[in-house]
Amino acid sequence: MRKLSDRQWKVIEPLLPRQDYSRGGRPRADDRKVMDGILWILRTGAQWDELPVKYGPAMTCWRRLKRWQKEGIWKKIWKELLVMLEKEEKIEWEVTYLDGTFSPAKKGVQK
């Protein structure tokens, strides 16, 4: 499974929250390793308990996914990547669309 490239990581890393050492504690799991684990789950659709050991504990990845979601980190990453792609002229805004596959389906067949 493909991991983040060094270039992609260079864009994403500054957007992630830093660990607060003011209250002590041990260093948290490596952000890049955790990010690769989260992306592996999202790409494969596998269950968290199927996460390969090389990405670290599945619970750590899951907690970080939820924390970053709550803190709006994913949205920041998304926006930054859009800006990067636009600068590189890799997005054609005239042909973009919103995918509505998340919309709930109505029960029963409509005739």
PDB file of N, CA and C in Angstrom:
ATOM      1  N   MET A   1       0.849  -1.176   0.000  1.00  0.00           N
ATOM      2  CA  MET A   1       0.000   0.000   0.000  1.00  0.00           C
ATOM      3  C   MET A   1       0.892   1.234   0.000  1.00  0.00           C
ATOM      4  N   ARG A   2       0.518   2.203  -0.783  1.00  0.00           N
ATOM      5  CA  ARG A   2       1.281   3.432  -0.945  1.00  0.00           C
ATOM      6  C   ARG A   2       1.229   4.295   0.318  1.00  0.00           C
ATOM      7  N   LYS A   3       2.370   4.858   0.686  1.00  0.00           N
ATOM      8  CA  LYS A   3       2.453   5.759   1.831  1.00  0.00           C
ATOM      9  C   LYS A   3       2.540   7.189   1.329  1.00  0.00           C
ATOM     10  N   LEU A   4       2.471   8.132   2.263  1.00  0.00           N
ATOM     11  CA  LEU A   4       2.633   9.533   1.900  1.00  0.00           C
ATOM     12  C   LEU A   4       4.048   9.762   1.368  1.00  0.00           C
ATOM     13  N   SER A   5       4.150  10.549   0.314  1.00  0.00           N
ATOM     14  CA  SER A   5       5.465  10.907  -0.191  1.00  0.00           C
ATOM     15  C   SER A   5       6.065  11.964   0.735  1.00  0.00           C
ATOM     16  N   ASP A   6       7.372  12.185   0.618  1.00  0.00           N
ATOM     17  CA  ASP A   6       8.021  13.221   1.424  1.00  0.00           C
ATOM     18  C   ASP A   6       7.431  14.591   1.094  1.00  0.00           C
ATOM     19  N   ARG A   7       7.096  14.819  -0.148  1.00  0.00           N
ATOM     20  CA  ARG A   7       6.504  16.094  -0.564  1.00  0.00           C
ATOM     21  C   ARG A   7       5.125  16.301   0.085  1.00  0.00           C
ATOM     22  N   GLN A   8       4.310  15.244   0.070  1.00  0.00           N
ATOM     23  CA  GLN A   8       2.990  15.332   0.698  1.00  0.00           C
ATOM     24  C   GLN A   8       3.129  15.574   2.199  1.00  0.00           C
ATOM     25  N   TRP A   9       4.056  14.869   2.826  1.00  0.00           N
ATOM     26  CA  TRP A   9       4.251  15.019   4.258  1.00  0.00           C
ATOM     27  C   TRP A   9       4.722  16.433   4.600  1.00  0.00           C
ATOM     28  N   LYS A  10       5.538  17.010   3.749  1.00  0.00           N
ATOM     29  CA  LYS A  10       6.037  18.368   3.973  1.00  0.00           C
ATOM     30  C   LYS A  10       4.888  19.379   4.012  1.00  0.00           C
ATOM     31  N   VAL A  11       3.834  19.113   3.258  1.00  0.00           N
ATOM     32  CA  VAL A  11       2.654  19.989   3.252  1.00  0.00           C
ATOM     33  C   VAL A  11       1.794  19.740   4.492  1.00  0.00           C
ATOM     34  N   ILE A  12       1.618  18.481   4.848  1.00  0.00           N
ATOM     35  CA  ILE A  12       0.703  18.103   5.925  1.00  0.00           C
ATOM     36  C   ILE A  12       1.276  18.333   7.325  1.00  0.00           C
ATOM     37  N   GLU A  13       2.532  18.032   7.528  1.00  0.00           N
ATOM     38  CA  GLU A  13       3.111  18.068   8.872  1.00  0.00           C
ATOM     39  C   GLU A  13       2.905  19.390   9.613  1.00  0.00           C
ATOM     40  N   PRO A  14       3.131  20.551   8.979  1.00  0.00           N
ATOM     41  CA  PRO A  14       2.942  21.809   9.729  1.00  0.00           C
ATOM     42  C   PRO A  14       1.486  22.081  10.138  1.00  0.00           C
ATOM     43  N   LEU A  15       0.539  21.381   9.532  1.00  0.00           N
ATOM     44  CA  LEU A  15      -0.874  21.592   9.839  1.00  0.00           C
ATOM     45  C   LEU A  15      -1.348  20.771  11.037  1.00  0.00           C
ATOM     46  N   LEU A  16      -0.533  19.827  11.470  1.00  0.00           N
ATOM     47  CA  LEU A  16      -0.900  18.958  12.584  1.00  0.00           C
ATOM     48  C   LEU A  16      -0.556  19.631  13.907  1.00  0.00           C
ATOM     49  N   PRO A  17      -1.375  19.411  14.935  1.00  0.00           N
ATOM     50  CA  PRO A  17      -1.095  20.019  16.241  1.00  0.00           C
ATOM     51  C   PRO A  17       0.184  19.447  16.853  1.00  0.00           C
ATOM     52  N   ARG A  18       0.913  20.293  17.524  1.00  0.00           N
ATOM     53  CA  ARG A  18       2.130  19.875  18.214  1.00  0.00           C
ATOM     54  C   ARG A  18       1.769  19.324  19.587  1.00  0.00           C
ATOM     55  N   GLN A  19       2.603  18.413  20.077  1.00  0.00           N
ATOM     56  CA  GLN A  19       2.380  17.865  21.412  1.00  0.00           C
ATOM     57  C   GLN A  19       2.764  18.910  22.446  1.00  0.00           C
ATOM     58  N   ASP A  20       1.946  19.044  23.468  1.00  0.00           N
ATOM     59  CA  ASP A  20       2.191  19.973  24.563  1.00  0.00           C
ATOM     60  C   ASP A  20       2.984  19.259  25.654  1.00  0.00           C
ATOM     61  N   TYR A  21       4.260  19.616  25.781  1.00  0.00           N
ATOM     62  CA  TYR A  21       5.117  18.983  26.787  1.00  0.00           C
ATOM     63  C   TYR A  21       5.101  19.730  28.116  1.00  0.00           C
ATOM     64  N   SER A  22       4.316  20.802  28.223  1.00  0.00           N
ATOM     65  CA  SER A  22       4.313  21.611  29.441  1.00  0.00           C
ATOM     66  C   SER A  22       3.826  20.828  30.663  1.00  0.00           C
ATOM     67  N   ARG A  23       3.028  19.807  30.425  1.00  0.00           N
ATOM     68  CA  ARG A  23       2.517  18.994  31.542  1.00  0.00           C
ATOM     69  C   ARG A  23       3.265  17.674  31.669  1.00  0.00           C
ATOM     70  N   GLY A  24       4.387  17.576  30.983  1.00  0.00           N
ATOM     71  CA  GLY A  24       5.174  16.340  31.043  1.00  0.00           C
ATOM     72  C   GLY A  24       4.598  15.277  30.123  1.00  0.00           C
ATOM     73  N   GLY A  25       4.869  14.052  30.443  1.00  0.00           N
ATOM     74  CA  GLY A  25       4.368  12.940  29.640  1.00  0.00           C
ATOM     75  C   GLY A  25       5.393  12.472  28.625  1.00  0.00           C
ATOM     76  N   ARG A  26       5.162  11.295  28.122  1.00  0.00           N
ATOM     77  CA  ARG A  26       6.087  10.745  27.127  1.00  0.00           C
ATOM     78  C   ARG A  26       5.684  11.213  25.737  1.00  0.00           C
ATOM     79  N   PRO A  27       6.623  11.174  24.804  1.00  0.00           N
ATOM     80  CA  PRO A  27       6.287  11.589  23.432  1.00  0.00           C
ATOM     81  C   PRO A  27       5.216  10.669  22.839  1.00  0.00           C
ATOM     82  N   ARG A  28       4.300  11.270  22.101  1.00  0.00           N
ATOM     83  CA  ARG A  28       3.238  10.473  21.483  1.00  0.00           C
ATOM     84  C   ARG A  28       3.782   9.739  20.254  1.00  0.00           C
ATOM     85  N   ALA A  29       2.978   8.842  19.739  1.00  0.00           N
ATOM     86  CA  ALA A  29       3.356   8.074  18.558  1.00  0.00           C
ATOM     87  C   ALA A  29       3.618   9.014  17.386  1.00  0.00           C
ATOM     88  N   ASP A  30       4.538   8.617  16.521  1.00  0.00           N
ATOM     89  CA  ASP A  30       4.952   9.410  15.370  1.00  0.00           C
ATOM     90  C   ASP A  30       3.755   9.761  14.480  1.00  0.00           C
ATOM     91  N   ASP A  31       3.571  11.067  14.235  1.00  0.00           N
ATOM     92  CA  ASP A  31       2.432  11.534  13.434  1.00  0.00           C
ATOM     93  C   ASP A  31       2.422  10.941  12.022  1.00  0.00           C
ATOM     94  N   ARG A  32       3.578  10.850  11.398  1.00  0.00           N
ATOM     95  CA  ARG A  32       3.618  10.339  10.013  1.00  0.00           C
ATOM     96  C   ARG A  32       3.206   8.868   9.959  1.00  0.00           C
ATOM     97  N   LYS A  33       3.689   8.098  10.900  1.00  0.00           N
ATOM     98  CA  LYS A  33       3.331   6.676  10.961  1.00  0.00           C
ATOM     99  C   LYS A  33       1.825   6.523  11.204  1.00  0.00           C
ATOM    100  N   VAL A  34       1.294   7.331  12.115  1.00  0.00           N
ATOM    101  CA  VAL A  34      -0.136   7.294  12.420  1.00  0.00           C
ATOM    102  C   VAL A  34      -0.955   7.720  11.208  1.00  0.00           C
ATOM    103  N   MET A  35      -0.515   8.792  10.533  1.00  0.00           N
ATOM    104  CA  MET A  35      -1.221   9.258   9.333  1.00  0.00           C
ATOM    105  C   MET A  35      -1.243   8.161   8.269  1.00  0.00           C
ATOM    106  N   ASP A  36      -0.114   7.499   8.060  1.00  0.00           N
ATOM    107  CA  ASP A  36      -0.079   6.403   7.088  1.00  0.00           C
ATOM    108  C   ASP A  36      -1.033   5.282   7.490  1.00  0.00           C
ATOM    109  N   GLY A  37      -1.143   5.003   8.788  1.00  0.00           N
ATOM    110  CA  GLY A  37      -2.081   3.985   9.272  1.00  0.00           C
ATOM    111  C   GLY A  37      -3.524   4.375   9.018  1.00  0.00           C
ATOM    112  N   ILE A  38      -3.858   5.624   9.290  1.00  0.00           N
ATOM    113  CA  ILE A  38      -5.218   6.118   9.033  1.00  0.00           C
ATOM    114  C   ILE A  38      -5.538   6.024   7.546  1.00  0.00           C
ATOM    115  N   LEU A  39      -4.611   6.459   6.712  1.00  0.00           N
ATOM    116  CA  LEU A  39      -4.830   6.407   5.263  1.00  0.00           C
ATOM    117  C   LEU A  39      -4.938   4.970   4.768  1.00  0.00           C
ATOM    118  N   TRP A  40      -4.203   4.042   5.384  1.00  0.00           N
ATOM    119  CA  TRP A  40      -4.306   2.635   5.001  1.00  0.00           C
ATOM    120  C   TRP A  40      -5.726   2.128   5.250  1.00  0.00           C
ATOM    121  N   ILE A  41      -6.269   2.459   6.414  1.00  0.00           N
ATOM    122  CA  ILE A  41      -7.640   2.053   6.739  1.00  0.00           C
ATOM    123  C   ILE A  41      -8.625   2.654   5.746  1.00  0.00           C
ATOM    124  N   LEU A  42      -8.472   3.942   5.453  1.00  0.00           N
ATOM    125  CA  LEU A  42      -9.402   4.615   4.539  1.00  0.00           C
ATOM    126  C   LEU A  42      -9.310   4.062   3.123  1.00  0.00           C
ATOM    127  N   ARG A  43      -8.101   3.724   2.684  1.00  0.00           N
ATOM    128  CA  ARG A  43      -7.929   3.184   1.321  1.00  0.00           C
ATOM    129  C   ARG A  43      -8.466   1.766   1.188  1.00  0.00           C
ATOM    130  N   THR A  44      -8.211   0.945   2.208  1.00  0.00           N
ATOM    131  CA  THR A  44      -8.569  -0.471   2.105  1.00  0.00           C
ATOM    132  C   THR A  44     -10.000  -0.769   2.542  1.00  0.00           C
ATOM    133  N   GLY A  45     -10.541   0.079   3.424  1.00  0.00           N
ATOM    134  CA  GLY A  45     -11.859  -0.201   3.974  1.00  0.00           C
ATOM    135  C   GLY A  45     -11.808  -1.299   5.033  1.00  0.00           C
ATOM    136  N   ALA A  46     -10.599  -1.641   5.468  1.00  0.00           N
ATOM    137  CA  ALA A  46     -10.422  -2.695   6.467  1.00  0.00           C
ATOM    138  C   ALA A  46     -10.910  -2.223   7.838  1.00  0.00           C
ATOM    139  N   GLN A  47     -11.073  -3.161   8.735  1.00  0.00           N
ATOM    140  CA  GLN A  47     -11.448  -2.844  10.112  1.00  0.00           C
ATOM    141  C   GLN A  47     -10.180  -2.457  10.876  1.00  0.00           C
ATOM    142  N   TRP A  48     -10.348  -1.697  11.940  1.00  0.00           N
ATOM    143  CA  TRP A  48      -9.195  -1.208  12.690  1.00  0.00           C
ATOM    144  C   TRP A  48      -8.326  -2.342  13.226  1.00  0.00           C
ATOM    145  N   ASP A  49      -8.928  -3.452  13.612  1.00  0.00           N
ATOM    146  CA  ASP A  49      -8.119  -4.553  14.152  1.00  0.00           C
ATOM    147  C   ASP A  49      -7.304  -5.271  13.073  1.00  0.00           C
ATOM    148  N   GLU A  50      -7.490  -4.900  11.821  1.00  0.00           N
ATOM    149  CA  GLU A  50      -6.719  -5.467  10.723  1.00  0.00           C
ATOM    150  C   GLU A  50      -5.530  -4.584  10.335  1.00  0.00           C
ATOM    151  N   LEU A  51      -5.354  -3.462  11.009  1.00  0.00           N
ATOM    152  CA  LEU A  51      -4.269  -2.538  10.703  1.00  0.00           C
ATOM    153  C   LEU A  51      -2.921  -3.225  10.911  1.00  0.00           C
ATOM    154  N   PRO A  52      -2.047  -3.210   9.895  1.00  0.00           N
ATOM    155  CA  PRO A  52      -0.725  -3.825  10.062  1.00  0.00           C
ATOM    156  C   PRO A  52       0.061  -3.179  11.205  1.00  0.00           C
ATOM    157  N   VAL A  53       0.838  -3.985  11.900  1.00  0.00           N
ATOM    158  CA  VAL A  53       1.604  -3.553  13.065  1.00  0.00           C
ATOM    159  C   VAL A  53       2.567  -2.410  12.721  1.00  0.00           C
ATOM    160  N   LYS A  54       3.048  -2.352  11.496  1.00  0.00           N
ATOM    161  CA  LYS A  54       4.030  -1.319  11.126  1.00  0.00           C
ATOM    162  C   LYS A  54       3.493   0.107  11.277  1.00  0.00           C
ATOM    163  N   TYR A  55       2.164   0.264  11.366  1.00  0.00           N
ATOM    164  CA  TYR A  55       1.567   1.587  11.545  1.00  0.00           C
ATOM    165  C   TYR A  55       1.344   1.939  13.016  1.00  0.00           C
ATOM    166  N   GLY A  56       1.688   1.032  13.897  1.00  0.00           N
ATOM    167  CA  GLY A  56       1.487   1.267  15.322  1.00  0.00           C
ATOM    168  C   GLY A  56       0.145   0.717  15.771  1.00  0.00           C
ATOM    169  N   PRO A  57      -0.193   0.950  17.026  1.00  0.00           N
ATOM    170  CA  PRO A  57      -1.454   0.430  17.563  1.00  0.00           C
ATOM    171  C   PRO A  57      -2.678   1.026  16.847  1.00  0.00           C
ATOM    172  N   ALA A  58      -3.626   0.177  16.525  1.00  0.00           N
ATOM    173  CA  ALA A  58      -4.842   0.628  15.843  1.00  0.00           C
ATOM    174  C   ALA A  58      -5.600   1.649  16.683  1.00  0.00           C
ATOM    175  N   MET A  59      -5.635   1.462  18.000  1.00  0.00           N
ATOM    176  CA  MET A  59      -6.360   2.386  18.865  1.00  0.00           C
ATOM    177  C   MET A  59      -5.724   3.777  18.828  1.00  0.00           C
ATOM    178  N   THR A  60      -4.407   3.829  18.735  1.00  0.00           N
ATOM    179  CA  THR A  60      -3.714   5.119  18.634  1.00  0.00           C
ATOM    180  C   THR A  60      -4.125   5.827  17.347  1.00  0.00           C
ATOM    181  N   CYS A  61      -4.127   5.098  16.244  1.00  0.00           N
ATOM    182  CA  CYS A  61      -4.528   5.685  14.960  1.00  0.00           C
ATOM    183  C   CYS A  61      -5.980   6.149  15.005  1.00  0.00           C
ATOM    184  N   TRP A  62      -6.847   5.329  15.577  1.00  0.00           N
ATOM    185  CA  TRP A  62      -8.270   5.679  15.646  1.00  0.00           C
ATOM    186  C   TRP A  62      -8.480   6.936  16.496  1.00  0.00           C
ATOM    187  N   ARG A  63      -7.812   6.986  17.648  1.00  0.00           N
ATOM    188  CA  ARG A  63      -7.952   8.161  18.532  1.00  0.00           C
ATOM    189  C   ARG A  63      -7.451   9.430  17.843  1.00  0.00           C
ATOM    190  N   ARG A  64      -6.329   9.313  17.143  1.00  0.00           N
ATOM    191  CA  ARG A  64      -5.777  10.483  16.456  1.00  0.00           C
ATOM    192  C   ARG A  64      -6.714  10.923  15.333  1.00  0.00           C
ATOM    193  N   LEU A  65      -7.285   9.971  14.603  1.00  0.00           N
ATOM    194  CA  LEU A  65      -8.259  10.296  13.550  1.00  0.00           C
ATOM    195  C   LEU A  65      -9.408  11.102  14.147  1.00  0.00           C
ATOM    196  N   LYS A  66      -9.975  10.631  15.244  1.00  0.00           N
ATOM    197  CA  LYS A  66     -11.101  11.308  15.884  1.00  0.00           C
ATOM    198  C   LYS A  66     -10.708  12.669  16.446  1.00  0.00           C
ATOM    199  N   ARG A  67      -9.531  12.745  17.057  1.00  0.00           N
ATOM    200  CA  ARG A  67      -9.067  14.019  17.616  1.00  0.00           C
ATOM    201  C   ARG A  67      -8.882  15.048  16.515  1.00  0.00           C
ATOM    202  N   TRP A  68      -8.216  14.639  15.440  1.00  0.00           N
ATOM    203  CA  TRP A  68      -7.976  15.564  14.329  1.00  0.00           C
ATOM    204  C   TRP A  68      -9.294  15.980  13.680  1.00  0.00           C
ATOM    205  N   GLN A  69     -10.250  15.085  13.645  1.00  0.00           N
ATOM    206  CA  GLN A  69     -11.565  15.422  13.113  1.00  0.00           C
ATOM    207  C   GLN A  69     -12.236  16.476  13.993  1.00  0.00           C
ATOM    208  N   LYS A  70     -12.205  16.263  15.296  1.00  0.00           N
ATOM    209  CA  LYS A  70     -12.827  17.184  16.241  1.00  0.00           C
ATOM    210  C   LYS A  70     -12.172  18.569  16.187  1.00  0.00           C
ATOM    211  N   GLU A  71     -10.864  18.610  15.974  1.00  0.00           N
ATOM    212  CA  GLU A  71     -10.117  19.864  15.962  1.00  0.00           C
ATOM    213  C   GLU A  71     -10.106  20.547  14.589  1.00  0.00           C
ATOM    214  N   GLY A  72     -10.739  19.926  13.585  1.00  0.00           N
ATOM    215  CA  GLY A  72     -10.801  20.541  12.261  1.00  0.00           C
ATOM    216  C   GLY A  72      -9.522  20.402  11.443  1.00  0.00           C
ATOM    217  N   ILE A  73      -8.653  19.498  11.843  1.00  0.00           N
ATOM    218  CA  ILE A  73      -7.365  19.318  11.165  1.00  0.00           C
ATOM    219  C   ILE A  73      -7.556  18.786   9.746  1.00  0.00           C
ATOM    220  N   TRP A  74      -8.482  17.851   9.573  1.00  0.00           N
ATOM    221  CA  TRP A  74      -8.706  17.271   8.238  1.00  0.00           C
ATOM    222  C   TRP A  74      -9.157  18.347   7.252  1.00  0.00           C
ATOM    223  N   LYS A  75      -9.997  19.256   7.710  1.00  0.00           N
ATOM    224  CA  LYS A  75     -10.462  20.333   6.838  1.00  0.00           C
ATOM    225  C   LYS A  75      -9.306  21.261   6.470  1.00  0.00           C
ATOM    226  N   LYS A  76      -8.428  21.551   7.423  1.00  0.00           N
ATOM    227  CA  LYS A  76      -7.257  22.380   7.143  1.00  0.00           C
ATOM    228  C   LYS A  76      -6.358  21.719   6.108  1.00  0.00           C
ATOM    229  N   ILE A  77      -6.145  20.416   6.249  1.00  0.00           N
ATOM    230  CA  ILE A  77      -5.309  19.675   5.300  1.00  0.00           C
ATOM    231  C   ILE A  77      -5.940  19.715   3.912  1.00  0.00           C
ATOM    232  N   TRP A  78      -7.238  19.462   3.857  1.00  0.00           N
ATOM    233  CA  TRP A  78      -7.966  19.462   2.586  1.00  0.00           C
ATOM    234  C   TRP A  78      -7.829  20.807   1.885  1.00  0.00           C
ATOM    235  N   LYS A  79      -8.046  21.897   2.627  1.00  0.00           N
ATOM    236  CA  LYS A  79      -7.955  23.236   2.044  1.00  0.00           C
ATOM    237  C   LYS A  79      -6.540  23.533   1.542  1.00  0.00           C
ATOM    238  N   GLU A  80      -5.547  23.155   2.322  1.00  0.00           N
ATOM    239  CA  GLU A  80      -4.157  23.404   1.918  1.00  0.00           C
ATOM    240  C   GLU A  80      -3.800  22.621   0.659  1.00  0.00           C
ATOM    241  N   LEU A  81      -4.256  21.385   0.569  1.00  0.00           N
ATOM    242  CA  LEU A  81      -3.986  20.585  -0.635  1.00  0.00           C
ATOM    243  C   LEU A  81      -4.702  21.165  -1.851  1.00  0.00           C
ATOM    244  N   LEU A  82      -5.912  21.696  -1.667  1.00  0.00           N
ATOM    245  CA  LEU A  82      -6.611  22.348  -2.778  1.00  0.00           C
ATOM    246  C   LEU A  82      -5.843  23.572  -3.276  1.00  0.00           C
ATOM    247  N   VAL A  83      -5.330  24.357  -2.342  1.00  0.00           N
ATOM    248  CA  VAL A  83      -4.539  25.533  -2.712  1.00  0.00           C
ATOM    249  C   VAL A  83      -3.298  25.105  -3.492  1.00  0.00           C
ATOM    250  N   MET A  84      -2.624  24.075  -2.996  1.00  0.00           N
ATOM    251  CA  MET A  84      -1.424  23.564  -3.663  1.00  0.00           C
ATOM    252  C   MET A  84      -1.738  23.083  -5.078  1.00  0.00           C
ATOM    253  N   LEU A  85      -2.811  22.323  -5.219  1.00  0.00           N
ATOM    254  CA  LEU A  85      -3.196  21.813  -6.529  1.00  0.00           C
ATOM    255  C   LEU A  85      -3.595  22.945  -7.480  1.00  0.00           C
ATOM    256  N   GLU A  86      -4.248  23.962  -6.946  1.00  0.00           N
ATOM    257  CA  GLU A  86      -4.639  25.094  -7.784  1.00  0.00           C
ATOM    258  C   GLU A  86      -3.407  25.844  -8.278  1.00  0.00           C
ATOM    259  N   LYS A  87      -2.435  26.052  -7.408  1.00  0.00           N
ATOM    260  CA  LYS A  87      -1.197  26.729  -7.809  1.00  0.00           C
ATOM    261  C   LYS A  87      -0.476  25.966  -8.914  1.00  0.00           C
ATOM    262  N   GLU A  88      -0.560  24.656  -8.851  1.00  0.00           N
ATOM    263  CA  GLU A  88       0.098  23.814  -9.856  1.00  0.00           C
ATOM    264  C   GLU A  88      -0.785  23.583 -11.079  1.00  0.00           C
ATOM    265  N   GLU A  89      -1.928  24.255 -11.095  1.00  0.00           N
ATOM    266  CA  GLU A  89      -2.898  24.143 -12.192  1.00  0.00           C
ATOM    267  C   GLU A  89      -3.312  22.700 -12.450  1.00  0.00           C
ATOM    268  N   LYS A  90      -3.548  21.990 -11.376  1.00  0.00           N
ATOM    269  CA  LYS A  90      -3.987  20.591 -11.468  1.00  0.00           C
ATOM    270  C   LYS A  90      -5.472  20.432 -11.160  1.00  0.00           C
ATOM    271  N   ILE A  91      -6.154  21.562 -10.936  1.00  0.00           N
ATOM    272  CA  ILE A  91      -7.595  21.536 -10.704  1.00  0.00           C
ATOM    273  C   ILE A  91      -8.257  22.410 -11.754  1.00  0.00           C
ATOM    274  N   GLU A  92      -9.262  21.861 -12.375  1.00  0.00           N
ATOM    275  CA  GLU A  92     -10.069  22.636 -13.314  1.00  0.00           C
ATOM    276  C   GLU A  92     -11.412  22.871 -12.631  1.00  0.00           C
ATOM    277  N   TRP A  93     -11.562  24.051 -12.044  1.00  0.00           N
ATOM    278  CA  TRP A  93     -12.756  24.354 -11.269  1.00  0.00           C
ATOM    279  C   TRP A  93     -14.021  24.324 -12.118  1.00  0.00           C
ATOM    280  N   GLU A  94     -13.893  24.529 -13.411  1.00  0.00           N
ATOM    281  CA  GLU A  94     -15.068  24.524 -14.291  1.00  0.00           C
ATOM    282  C   GLU A  94     -15.699  23.136 -14.399  1.00  0.00           C
ATOM    283  N   VAL A  95     -14.920  22.109 -14.134  1.00  0.00           N
ATOM    284  CA  VAL A  95     -15.435  20.743 -14.275  1.00  0.00           C
ATOM    285  C   VAL A  95     -15.518  20.011 -12.931  1.00  0.00           C
ATOM    286  N   THR A  96     -15.481  20.738 -11.828  1.00  0.00           N
ATOM    287  CA  THR A  96     -15.614  20.095 -10.524  1.00  0.00           C
ATOM    288  C   THR A  96     -17.086  19.906 -10.170  1.00  0.00           C
ATOM    289  N   TYR A  97     -17.342  19.014  -9.257  1.00  0.00           N
ATOM    290  CA  TYR A  97     -18.718  18.752  -8.830  1.00  0.00           C
ATOM    291  C   TYR A  97     -18.709  18.233  -7.399  1.00  0.00           C
ATOM    292  N   LEU A  98     -19.842  18.246  -6.796  1.00  0.00           N
ATOM    293  CA  LEU A  98     -20.014  17.727  -5.447  1.00  0.00           C
ATOM    294  C   LEU A  98     -20.593  16.327  -5.552  1.00  0.00           C
ATOM    295  N   ASP A  99     -19.972  15.394  -4.884  1.00  0.00           N
ATOM    296  CA  ASP A  99     -20.433  14.008  -4.897  1.00  0.00           C
ATOM    297  C   ASP A  99     -21.465  13.829  -3.785  1.00  0.00           C
ATOM    298  N   GLY A 100     -22.637  13.386  -4.136  1.00  0.00           N
ATOM    299  CA  GLY A 100     -23.713  13.231  -3.163  1.00  0.00           C
ATOM    300  C   GLY A 100     -23.949  11.795  -2.747  1.00  0.00           C
ATOM    301  N   THR A 101     -22.947  10.920  -2.875  1.00  0.00           N
ATOM    302  CA  THR A 101     -23.154   9.512  -2.527  1.00  0.00           C
ATOM    303  C   THR A 101     -23.389   9.298  -1.047  1.00  0.00           C
ATOM    304  N   PHE A 102     -23.152  10.312  -0.235  1.00  0.00           N
ATOM    305  CA  PHE A 102     -23.365  10.178   1.200  1.00  0.00           C
ATOM    306  C   PHE A 102     -24.831  10.389   1.575  1.00  0.00           C
ATOM    307  N   SER A 103     -25.639  10.830   0.627  1.00  0.00           N
ATOM    308  CA  SER A 103     -27.046  11.091   0.905  1.00  0.00           C
ATOM    309  C   SER A 103     -27.770   9.790   1.218  1.00  0.00           C
ATOM    310  N   PRO A 104     -28.632   9.787   2.226  1.00  0.00           N
ATOM    311  CA  PRO A 104     -29.324   8.552   2.575  1.00  0.00           C
ATOM    312  C   PRO A 104     -30.331   8.151   1.484  1.00  0.00           C
ATOM    313  N   ALA A 105     -30.402   6.867   1.257  1.00  0.00           N
ATOM    314  CA  ALA A 105     -31.363   6.352   0.278  1.00  0.00           C
ATOM    315  C   ALA A 105     -32.714   6.169   0.954  1.00  0.00           C
ATOM    316  N   LYS A 106     -33.760   6.401   0.217  1.00  0.00           N
ATOM    317  CA  LYS A 106     -35.106   6.201   0.749  1.00  0.00           C
ATOM    318  C   LYS A 106     -35.434   4.705   0.702  1.00  0.00           C
ATOM    319  N   LYS A 107     -36.205   4.259   1.682  1.00  0.00           N
ATOM    320  CA  LYS A 107     -36.568   2.846   1.732  1.00  0.00           C
ATOM    321  C   LYS A 107     -37.589   2.532   0.649  1.00  0.00           C
ATOM    322  N   GLY A 108     -37.478   1.364   0.096  1.00  0.00           N
ATOM    323  CA  GLY A 108     -38.441   0.926  -0.917  1.00  0.00           C
ATOM    324  C   GLY A 108     -38.061   1.419  -2.301  1.00  0.00           C
ATOM    325  N   VAL A 109     -38.712   0.828  -3.278  1.00  0.00           N
ATOM    326  CA  VAL A 109     -38.465   1.173  -4.672  1.00  0.00           C
ATOM    327  C   VAL A 109     -39.439   2.268  -5.083  1.00  0.00           C
ATOM    328  N   GLN A 110     -38.946   3.309  -5.722  1.00  0.00           N
ATOM    329  CA  GLN A 110     -39.798   4.392  -6.215  1.00  0.00           C
ATOM    330  C   GLN A 110     -40.250   4.038  -7.619  1.00  0.00           C
ATOM    331  N   LYS A 111     -41.552   4.000  -7.864  1.00  0.00           N
ATOM    332  CA  LYS A 111     -42.076   3.662  -9.193  1.00  0.00           C
ATOM    333  C   LYS A 111     -42.853   4.814  -9.739  1.00  0.00           C
TER     334      LYS A 111
END
